[in-house]
Amino acid sequence: MSGQILALSIMLARVCVSEAGWTNHDECAVIVHALINQSEARGIPLSHQICAYAPNSCDRNRDDARRWIAFLHPELRRPPPGWPEGTRWETHRAMFAAMVLVAYRAYIGEIVSPCPLAFHWASPHCQPCRERMEQYGFVRAGCGMNNHFYRRDEQQIQ
């Protein structure tokens, strides 16, 4: 794995942990493919799209309770800055390393998205997010996952 692909895989895995949790590998594959699709549609590098769409996963200056997400790295021997007290880093480090592998495999196309039409996602608890998706012409993709994934409306595609 080249250094650039590893760096992208780590960035993608940070988004997956932040948005889907430590072990939801299927949902991570959907997120990776959605970010790739967005990047290609906008004609910008994937690393820029990751930080534009999920800025908290890239922001090392944040000072909230989840600031540690931006520092996650599979080679860290000590917990990242802001890591919750009483939470075992070694266990989560191994889970993060597994998520980096999933993100890598999804990025290179080895893992196909279980929801291939997904283009955006939002928390099921975010009513403004759902309204914004509808406002911009996206419809639920019906992926059956924790997050709500959205696809382009068929009329938009044609």
N, C-alpha and C. Protein backbone atom coordinates (compact mmCIF):
# COMPACT_ATOMS: atom_id res chain seq x y z
N MET A 1 0.85 -1.17 0.00
CA MET A 1 0.00 0.00 0.00
C MET A 1 0.90 1.23 0.00
N SER A 2 0.70 2.12 -0.96
CA SER A 2 1.52 3.33 -1.04
C SER A 2 1.17 4.27 0.12
N GLY A 3 2.06 5.21 0.39
CA GLY A 3 1.84 6.17 1.46
C GLY A 3 0.59 7.00 1.26
N GLN A 4 0.33 7.41 0.01
CA GLN A 4 -0.85 8.24 -0.28
C GLN A 4 -2.13 7.43 -0.08
N ILE A 5 -2.14 6.20 -0.53
CA ILE A 5 -3.34 5.35 -0.36
C ILE A 5 -3.55 5.04 1.11
N LEU A 6 -2.49 4.80 1.86
CA LEU A 6 -2.62 4.57 3.30
C LEU A 6 -3.20 5.81 3.98
N ALA A 7 -2.68 6.99 3.63
CA ALA A 7 -3.19 8.23 4.23
C ALA A 7 -4.68 8.42 3.93
N LEU A 8 -5.09 8.16 2.69
CA LEU A 8 -6.51 8.26 2.34
C LEU A 8 -7.33 7.23 3.10
N SER A 9 -6.81 6.02 3.23
CA SER A 9 -7.53 4.96 3.94
C SER A 9 -7.72 5.33 5.41
N ILE A 10 -6.73 5.94 6.02
CA ILE A 10 -6.84 6.38 7.40
C ILE A 10 -7.87 7.49 7.53
N MET A 11 -7.85 8.44 6.60
CA MET A 11 -8.85 9.52 6.61
C MET A 11 -10.26 8.95 6.47
N LEU A 12 -10.42 8.01 5.55
CA LEU A 12 -11.73 7.40 5.33
C LEU A 12 -12.17 6.62 6.57
N ALA A 13 -11.25 5.90 7.19
CA ALA A 13 -11.59 5.13 8.39
C ALA A 13 -11.99 6.04 9.54
N ARG A 14 -11.38 7.22 9.64
CA ARG A 14 -11.79 8.18 10.67
C ARG A 14 -13.25 8.59 10.48
N VAL A 15 -13.63 8.84 9.22
CA VAL A 15 -15.02 9.19 8.94
C VAL A 15 -15.93 8.02 9.30
N CYS A 16 -15.51 6.82 8.96
CA CYS A 16 -16.33 5.63 9.26
C CYS A 16 -16.54 5.47 10.76
N VAL A 17 -15.50 5.61 11.55
CA VAL A 17 -15.64 5.49 13.00
C VAL A 17 -16.55 6.59 13.52
N SER A 18 -16.34 7.80 13.03
CA SER A 18 -17.15 8.93 13.49
C SER A 18 -18.62 8.78 13.12
N GLU A 19 -18.88 8.30 11.93
CA GLU A 19 -20.25 8.27 11.40
C GLU A 19 -20.97 6.93 11.61
N ALA A 20 -20.21 5.84 11.73
CA ALA A 20 -20.86 4.52 11.78
C ALA A 20 -20.42 3.66 12.96
N GLY A 21 -19.41 4.08 13.71
CA GLY A 21 -18.95 3.29 14.83
C GLY A 21 -17.71 2.47 14.49
N TRP A 22 -17.24 1.75 15.48
CA TRP A 22 -15.97 1.03 15.38
C TRP A 22 -16.01 -0.24 14.56
N THR A 23 -17.16 -0.87 14.43
CA THR A 23 -17.18 -2.21 13.82
C THR A 23 -18.17 -2.36 12.67
N ASN A 24 -18.80 -1.29 12.25
CA ASN A 24 -19.81 -1.40 11.19
C ASN A 24 -19.13 -1.31 9.83
N HIS A 25 -18.56 -2.42 9.40
CA HIS A 25 -17.77 -2.45 8.17
C HIS A 25 -18.61 -2.28 6.92
N ASP A 26 -19.82 -2.83 6.89
CA ASP A 26 -20.67 -2.65 5.71
C ASP A 26 -21.02 -1.18 5.51
N GLU A 27 -21.36 -0.53 6.60
CA GLU A 27 -21.70 0.89 6.51
C GLU A 27 -20.48 1.71 6.10
N CYS A 28 -19.30 1.32 6.56
CA CYS A 28 -18.07 1.99 6.16
C CYS A 28 -17.88 1.89 4.65
N ALA A 29 -18.12 0.73 4.08
CA ALA A 29 -17.97 0.57 2.63
C ALA A 29 -18.90 1.50 1.87
N VAL A 30 -20.12 1.68 2.37
CA VAL A 30 -21.06 2.60 1.72
C VAL A 30 -20.53 4.03 1.82
N ILE A 31 -20.05 4.41 3.00
CA ILE A 31 -19.52 5.76 3.21
C ILE A 31 -18.33 6.02 2.28
N VAL A 32 -17.42 5.07 2.18
CA VAL A 32 -16.26 5.23 1.30
C VAL A 32 -16.70 5.45 -0.14
N HIS A 33 -17.60 4.61 -0.62
CA HIS A 33 -18.05 4.73 -2.00
C HIS A 33 -18.82 6.03 -2.22
N ALA A 34 -19.61 6.46 -1.24
CA ALA A 34 -20.33 7.73 -1.37
C ALA A 34 -19.34 8.89 -1.47
N LEU A 35 -18.30 8.88 -0.64
CA LEU A 35 -17.31 9.96 -0.70
C LEU A 35 -16.54 9.95 -2.02
N ILE A 36 -16.23 8.78 -2.53
CA ILE A 36 -15.57 8.68 -3.84
C ILE A 36 -16.49 9.25 -4.92
N ASN A 37 -17.77 8.87 -4.89
CA ASN A 37 -18.72 9.38 -5.87
C ASN A 37 -18.84 10.90 -5.80
N GLN A 38 -18.88 11.44 -4.58
CA GLN A 38 -18.97 12.89 -4.41
C GLN A 38 -17.72 13.57 -4.97
N SER A 39 -16.56 13.02 -4.65
CA SER A 39 -15.29 13.56 -5.11
C SER A 39 -15.24 13.61 -6.63
N GLU A 40 -15.63 12.52 -7.25
CA GLU A 40 -15.62 12.45 -8.71
C GLU A 40 -16.62 13.42 -9.31
N ALA A 41 -17.81 13.53 -8.72
CA ALA A 41 -18.84 14.44 -9.23
C ALA A 41 -18.40 15.90 -9.13
N ARG A 42 -17.66 16.22 -8.08
CA ARG A 42 -17.19 17.60 -7.88
C ARG A 42 -15.86 17.87 -8.57
N GLY A 43 -15.19 16.81 -8.99
CA GLY A 43 -13.90 16.98 -9.66
C GLY A 43 -12.80 17.49 -8.73
N ILE A 44 -12.86 17.02 -7.48
CA ILE A 44 -11.84 17.44 -6.50
C ILE A 44 -11.18 16.20 -5.91
N PRO A 45 -9.98 16.36 -5.36
CA PRO A 45 -9.30 15.21 -4.74
C PRO A 45 -10.14 14.62 -3.60
N LEU A 46 -10.05 13.33 -3.43
CA LEU A 46 -10.81 12.65 -2.39
C LEU A 46 -10.49 13.21 -1.01
N SER A 47 -9.24 13.51 -0.75
CA SER A 47 -8.86 14.05 0.57
C SER A 47 -9.59 15.36 0.86
N HIS A 48 -9.79 16.19 -0.16
CA HIS A 48 -10.52 17.45 0.02
C HIS A 48 -12.00 17.19 0.27
N GLN A 49 -12.55 16.21 -0.45
CA GLN A 49 -13.96 15.89 -0.26
C GLN A 49 -14.21 15.33 1.14
N ILE A 50 -13.31 14.50 1.62
CA ILE A 50 -13.46 13.94 2.96
C ILE A 50 -13.56 15.07 3.98
N CYS A 51 -12.65 16.02 3.91
CA CYS A 51 -12.64 17.11 4.90
C CYS A 51 -13.77 18.10 4.68
N ALA A 52 -14.25 18.23 3.45
CA ALA A 52 -15.39 19.11 3.19
C ALA A 52 -16.69 18.50 3.70
N TYR A 53 -16.84 17.19 3.53
CA TYR A 53 -18.09 16.53 3.91
C TYR A 53 -18.13 16.15 5.38
N ALA A 54 -17.00 15.79 5.92
CA ALA A 54 -16.92 15.37 7.33
C ALA A 54 -15.79 16.15 8.01
N PRO A 55 -15.95 17.46 8.15
CA PRO A 55 -14.84 18.30 8.63
C PRO A 55 -14.33 17.94 10.03
N ASN A 56 -15.18 17.43 10.89
CA ASN A 56 -14.73 17.10 12.25
C ASN A 56 -13.74 15.94 12.25
N SER A 57 -13.77 15.11 11.24
CA SER A 57 -12.81 14.00 11.19
C SER A 57 -11.42 14.47 10.78
N CYS A 58 -11.32 15.69 10.29
CA CYS A 58 -10.03 16.24 9.85
C CYS A 58 -9.52 17.35 10.77
N ASP A 59 -10.38 17.91 11.59
CA ASP A 59 -10.06 19.10 12.37
C ASP A 59 -9.30 18.75 13.65
N ARG A 60 -8.00 18.96 13.63
CA ARG A 60 -7.18 18.66 14.81
C ARG A 60 -7.19 19.80 15.83
N ASN A 61 -7.86 20.88 15.50
CA ASN A 61 -7.95 22.01 16.43
C ASN A 61 -9.26 22.01 17.21
N ARG A 62 -10.13 21.07 16.94
CA ARG A 62 -11.40 21.03 17.67
C ARG A 62 -11.14 20.72 19.13
N ASP A 63 -12.04 21.17 19.98
CA ASP A 63 -11.82 20.98 21.42
C ASP A 63 -13.01 20.32 22.11
N ASP A 64 -13.81 19.61 21.34
CA ASP A 64 -14.96 18.94 21.93
C ASP A 64 -14.58 17.54 22.41
N ALA A 65 -15.56 16.81 22.92
CA ALA A 65 -15.31 15.50 23.53
C ALA A 65 -14.87 14.43 22.52
N ARG A 66 -15.07 14.68 21.24
CA ARG A 66 -14.68 13.68 20.23
C ARG A 66 -13.50 14.14 19.37
N ARG A 67 -12.69 15.03 19.91
CA ARG A 67 -11.55 15.55 19.15
C ARG A 67 -10.56 14.45 18.78
N TRP A 68 -10.54 13.38 19.52
CA TRP A 68 -9.62 12.27 19.29
C TRP A 68 -9.79 11.64 17.91
N ILE A 69 -10.98 11.80 17.30
CA ILE A 69 -11.23 11.19 15.99
C ILE A 69 -10.23 11.68 14.96
N ALA A 70 -9.93 12.96 14.98
CA ALA A 70 -9.01 13.54 13.99
C ALA A 70 -7.57 13.05 14.16
N PHE A 71 -7.29 12.41 15.28
CA PHE A 71 -5.92 11.93 15.56
C PHE A 71 -5.79 10.41 15.44
N LEU A 72 -6.87 9.72 15.15
CA LEU A 72 -6.80 8.27 15.07
C LEU A 72 -5.76 7.83 14.04
N HIS A 73 -4.97 6.86 14.43
CA HIS A 73 -3.97 6.28 13.54
C HIS A 73 -3.68 4.87 14.04
N PRO A 74 -3.60 3.90 13.14
CA PRO A 74 -3.41 2.51 13.59
C PRO A 74 -2.06 2.25 14.24
N GLU A 75 -1.10 3.13 14.07
CA GLU A 75 0.23 2.90 14.65
C GLU A 75 0.44 3.61 15.98
N LEU A 76 -0.55 4.37 16.45
CA LEU A 76 -0.40 5.06 17.73
C LEU A 76 -0.23 4.04 18.86
N ARG A 77 0.77 4.23 19.66
CA ARG A 77 0.98 3.34 20.81
C ARG A 77 0.26 3.87 22.05
N ARG A 78 0.05 5.17 22.09
CA ARG A 78 -0.67 5.80 23.20
C ARG A 78 -2.00 6.33 22.67
N PRO A 79 -2.96 6.52 23.54
CA PRO A 79 -4.25 7.07 23.09
C PRO A 79 -4.08 8.44 22.43
N PRO A 80 -4.93 8.76 21.45
CA PRO A 80 -4.85 10.08 20.82
C PRO A 80 -5.30 11.18 21.78
N PRO A 81 -4.93 12.43 21.49
CA PRO A 81 -5.34 13.53 22.36
C PRO A 81 -6.86 13.58 22.54
N GLY A 82 -7.27 13.76 23.78
CA GLY A 82 -8.70 13.84 24.08
C GLY A 82 -9.39 12.50 24.27
N TRP A 83 -8.63 11.41 24.24
CA TRP A 83 -9.20 10.06 24.37
C TRP A 83 -9.96 9.95 25.70
N PRO A 84 -11.15 9.35 25.68
CA PRO A 84 -11.94 9.24 26.92
C PRO A 84 -11.23 8.41 27.99
N GLU A 85 -11.18 8.96 29.19
CA GLU A 85 -10.55 8.25 30.31
C GLU A 85 -11.31 6.95 30.59
N GLY A 86 -10.56 5.94 30.94
CA GLY A 86 -11.17 4.66 31.29
C GLY A 86 -11.51 3.78 30.09
N THR A 87 -11.23 4.26 28.88
CA THR A 87 -11.50 3.48 27.66
C THR A 87 -10.17 2.91 27.17
N ARG A 88 -10.16 1.60 26.97
CA ARG A 88 -8.91 0.93 26.56
C ARG A 88 -8.53 1.29 25.13
N TRP A 89 -7.39 1.94 24.99
CA TRP A 89 -6.93 2.32 23.67
C TRP A 89 -6.53 1.10 22.84
N GLU A 90 -5.87 0.13 23.43
CA GLU A 90 -5.39 -1.02 22.67
C GLU A 90 -6.53 -1.74 21.94
N THR A 91 -7.64 -1.91 22.61
CA THR A 91 -8.80 -2.56 21.99
C THR A 91 -9.29 -1.75 20.80
N HIS A 92 -9.42 -0.46 20.99
CA HIS A 92 -9.93 0.40 19.94
C HIS A 92 -8.90 0.61 18.83
N ARG A 93 -7.65 0.58 19.18
CA ARG A 93 -6.60 0.68 18.16
C ARG A 93 -6.71 -0.49 17.18
N ALA A 94 -6.93 -1.67 17.69
CA ALA A 94 -7.10 -2.85 16.83
C ALA A 94 -8.35 -2.72 15.97
N MET A 95 -9.43 -2.21 16.55
CA MET A 95 -10.66 -2.01 15.76
C MET A 95 -10.44 -0.96 14.68
N PHE A 96 -9.67 0.08 15.02
CA PHE A 96 -9.39 1.11 14.01
C PHE A 96 -8.53 0.55 12.89
N ALA A 97 -7.55 -0.25 13.23
CA ALA A 97 -6.71 -0.87 12.19
C ALA A 97 -7.57 -1.73 11.25
N ALA A 98 -8.53 -2.44 11.80
CA ALA A 98 -9.45 -3.23 10.97
C ALA A 98 -10.29 -2.33 10.07
N MET A 99 -10.71 -1.17 10.61
CA MET A 99 -11.52 -0.24 9.82
C MET A 99 -10.67 0.39 8.70
N VAL A 100 -9.40 0.64 8.96
CA VAL A 100 -8.51 1.16 7.92
C VAL A 100 -8.42 0.14 6.78
N LEU A 101 -8.33 -1.12 7.12
CA LEU A 101 -8.27 -2.17 6.09
C LEU A 101 -9.57 -2.21 5.28
N VAL A 102 -10.70 -2.09 5.94
CA VAL A 102 -11.99 -2.06 5.23
C VAL A 102 -12.03 -0.85 4.30
N ALA A 103 -11.63 0.32 4.81
CA ALA A 103 -11.64 1.53 3.99
C ALA A 103 -10.72 1.37 2.78
N TYR A 104 -9.56 0.80 3.00
CA TYR A 104 -8.62 0.56 1.90
C TYR A 104 -9.23 -0.37 0.85
N ARG A 105 -9.78 -1.48 1.32
CA ARG A 105 -10.36 -2.46 0.38
C ARG A 105 -11.55 -1.87 -0.38
N ALA A 106 -12.33 -1.02 0.27
CA ALA A 106 -13.44 -0.35 -0.42
C ALA A 106 -12.89 0.67 -1.41
N TYR A 107 -11.86 1.39 -1.01
CA TYR A 107 -11.26 2.41 -1.88
C TYR A 107 -10.71 1.80 -3.17
N ILE A 108 -10.04 0.66 -3.07
CA ILE A 108 -9.45 0.05 -4.28
C ILE A 108 -10.47 -0.79 -5.05
N GLY A 109 -11.69 -0.89 -4.56
CA GLY A 109 -12.73 -1.62 -5.27
C GLY A 109 -12.83 -3.09 -4.94
N GLU A 110 -12.08 -3.53 -3.96
CA GLU A 110 -12.12 -4.93 -3.56
C GLU A 110 -13.40 -5.25 -2.80
N ILE A 111 -13.92 -4.26 -2.07
CA ILE A 111 -15.22 -4.40 -1.40
C ILE A 111 -16.20 -3.51 -2.15
N VAL A 112 -17.25 -4.11 -2.64
CA VAL A 112 -18.29 -3.39 -3.35
C VAL A 112 -19.27 -2.83 -2.32
N SER A 113 -19.75 -1.64 -2.57
CA SER A 113 -20.71 -1.04 -1.65
C SER A 113 -21.98 -1.86 -1.58
N PRO A 114 -22.45 -2.17 -0.35
CA PRO A 114 -23.73 -2.86 -0.22
C PRO A 114 -24.92 -1.98 -0.61
N CYS A 115 -24.66 -0.71 -0.86
CA CYS A 115 -25.71 0.24 -1.26
C CYS A 115 -25.11 1.14 -2.35
N PRO A 116 -24.97 0.60 -3.56
CA PRO A 116 -24.18 1.27 -4.59
C PRO A 116 -24.71 2.62 -5.07
N LEU A 117 -25.98 2.91 -4.88
CA LEU A 117 -26.51 4.19 -5.34
C LEU A 117 -26.34 5.31 -4.31
N ALA A 118 -25.87 4.98 -3.11
CA ALA A 118 -25.74 5.99 -2.06
C ALA A 118 -24.76 7.08 -2.48
N PHE A 119 -25.20 8.32 -2.27
CA PHE A 119 -24.39 9.48 -2.64
C PHE A 119 -24.17 10.40 -1.44
N HIS A 120 -25.10 10.39 -0.51
CA HIS A 120 -25.02 11.17 0.73
C HIS A 120 -25.53 10.31 1.87
N TRP A 121 -25.29 10.75 3.09
CA TRP A 121 -25.86 10.08 4.25
C TRP A 121 -26.14 11.10 5.33
N ALA A 122 -26.99 10.70 6.27
CA ALA A 122 -27.33 11.56 7.41
C ALA A 122 -27.79 10.68 8.56
N SER A 123 -27.61 11.21 9.74
CA SER A 123 -28.10 10.51 10.93
C SER A 123 -29.62 10.43 10.88
N PRO A 124 -30.17 9.31 11.31
CA PRO A 124 -31.64 9.21 11.35
C PRO A 124 -32.25 10.18 12.36
N HIS A 125 -31.42 10.75 13.23
CA HIS A 125 -31.91 11.67 14.26
C HIS A 125 -31.84 13.13 13.82
N CYS A 126 -31.37 13.38 12.60
CA CYS A 126 -31.17 14.75 12.13
C CYS A 126 -32.27 15.15 11.15
N GLN A 127 -33.34 15.70 11.67
CA GLN A 127 -34.45 16.14 10.82
C GLN A 127 -34.01 17.20 9.81
N PRO A 128 -33.23 18.22 10.21
CA PRO A 128 -32.78 19.20 9.21
C PRO A 128 -31.97 18.56 8.08
N CYS A 129 -31.21 17.51 8.40
CA CYS A 129 -30.42 16.82 7.37
C CYS A 129 -31.35 16.16 6.36
N ARG A 130 -32.37 15.48 6.86
CA ARG A 130 -33.33 14.83 5.96
C ARG A 130 -34.03 15.86 5.08
N GLU A 131 -34.43 16.97 5.67
CA GLU A 131 -35.11 18.02 4.91
C GLU A 131 -34.19 18.59 3.83
N ARG A 132 -32.91 18.77 4.17
CA ARG A 132 -31.94 19.30 3.21
C ARG A 132 -31.76 18.31 2.05
N MET A 133 -31.69 17.03 2.36
CA MET A 133 -31.54 16.03 1.29
C MET A 133 -32.73 16.10 0.33
N GLU A 134 -33.94 16.18 0.89
CA GLU A 134 -35.14 16.26 0.06
C GLU A 134 -35.16 17.55 -0.75
N GLN A 135 -34.75 18.64 -0.11
CA GLN A 135 -34.72 19.95 -0.78
C GLN A 135 -33.81 19.91 -2.01
N TYR A 136 -32.72 19.18 -1.92
CA TYR A 136 -31.78 19.10 -3.04
C TYR A 136 -32.08 17.94 -3.99
N GLY A 137 -33.22 17.31 -3.81
CA GLY A 137 -33.67 16.30 -4.76
C GLY A 137 -33.12 14.90 -4.53
N PHE A 138 -32.66 14.61 -3.33
CA PHE A 138 -32.19 13.26 -3.03
C PHE A 138 -33.30 12.48 -2.34
N VAL A 139 -33.31 11.18 -2.57
CA VAL A 139 -34.31 10.30 -1.96
C VAL A 139 -33.59 9.20 -1.18
N ARG A 140 -34.27 8.67 -0.18
CA ARG A 140 -33.67 7.59 0.62
C ARG A 140 -33.33 6.41 -0.27
N ALA A 141 -32.16 5.87 -0.07
CA ALA A 141 -31.70 4.74 -0.88
C ALA A 141 -32.19 3.41 -0.33
N GLY A 142 -32.72 3.40 0.89
CA GLY A 142 -33.25 2.17 1.46
C GLY A 142 -32.20 1.11 1.69
N CYS A 143 -31.09 1.49 2.29
CA CYS A 143 -29.98 0.57 2.48
C CYS A 143 -30.13 -0.33 3.71
N GLY A 144 -31.04 0.02 4.61
CA GLY A 144 -31.24 -0.79 5.81
C GLY A 144 -30.07 -0.72 6.78
N MET A 145 -29.50 0.45 6.94
CA MET A 145 -28.35 0.62 7.84
C MET A 145 -28.68 1.65 8.91
N ASN A 146 -27.74 1.86 9.83
CA ASN A 146 -27.97 2.82 10.91
C ASN A 146 -28.17 4.23 10.39
N ASN A 147 -27.28 4.69 9.52
CA ASN A 147 -27.45 6.00 8.90
C ASN A 147 -28.48 5.90 7.79
N HIS A 148 -29.05 7.03 7.45
CA HIS A 148 -29.93 7.09 6.28
C HIS A 148 -29.06 7.49 5.09
N PHE A 149 -29.04 6.65 4.08
CA PHE A 149 -28.28 6.94 2.88
C PHE A 149 -29.24 7.43 1.81
N TYR A 150 -28.74 8.36 1.01
CA TYR A 150 -29.56 9.00 -0.01
C TYR A 150 -28.92 8.81 -1.37
N ARG A 151 -29.77 8.70 -2.37
CA ARG A 151 -29.32 8.58 -3.75
C ARG A 151 -29.92 9.72 -4.54
N ARG A 152 -29.39 9.92 -5.72
CA ARG A 152 -29.98 10.92 -6.61
C ARG A 152 -31.33 10.40 -7.09
N ASP A 153 -32.26 11.29 -7.19
CA ASP A 153 -33.57 10.93 -7.72
C ASP A 153 -33.40 10.50 -9.17
N GLU A 154 -34.14 9.49 -9.59
CA GLU A 154 -34.02 8.98 -10.98
C GLU A 154 -34.17 10.09 -12.00
N GLN A 155 -35.05 11.06 -11.74
CA GLN A 155 -35.24 12.16 -12.67
C GLN A 155 -34.00 13.04 -12.76
N GLN A 156 -33.24 13.13 -11.69
CA GLN A 156 -32.00 13.91 -11.70
C GLN A 156 -30.96 13.26 -12.60
N ILE A 157 -30.95 11.94 -12.61
CA ILE A 157 -29.92 11.20 -13.35
C ILE A 157 -30.14 11.32 -14.85
N GLN A 158 -31.38 11.31 -15.28
CA GLN A 158 -31.68 11.32 -16.73
C GLN A 158 -31.52 12.65 -17.37
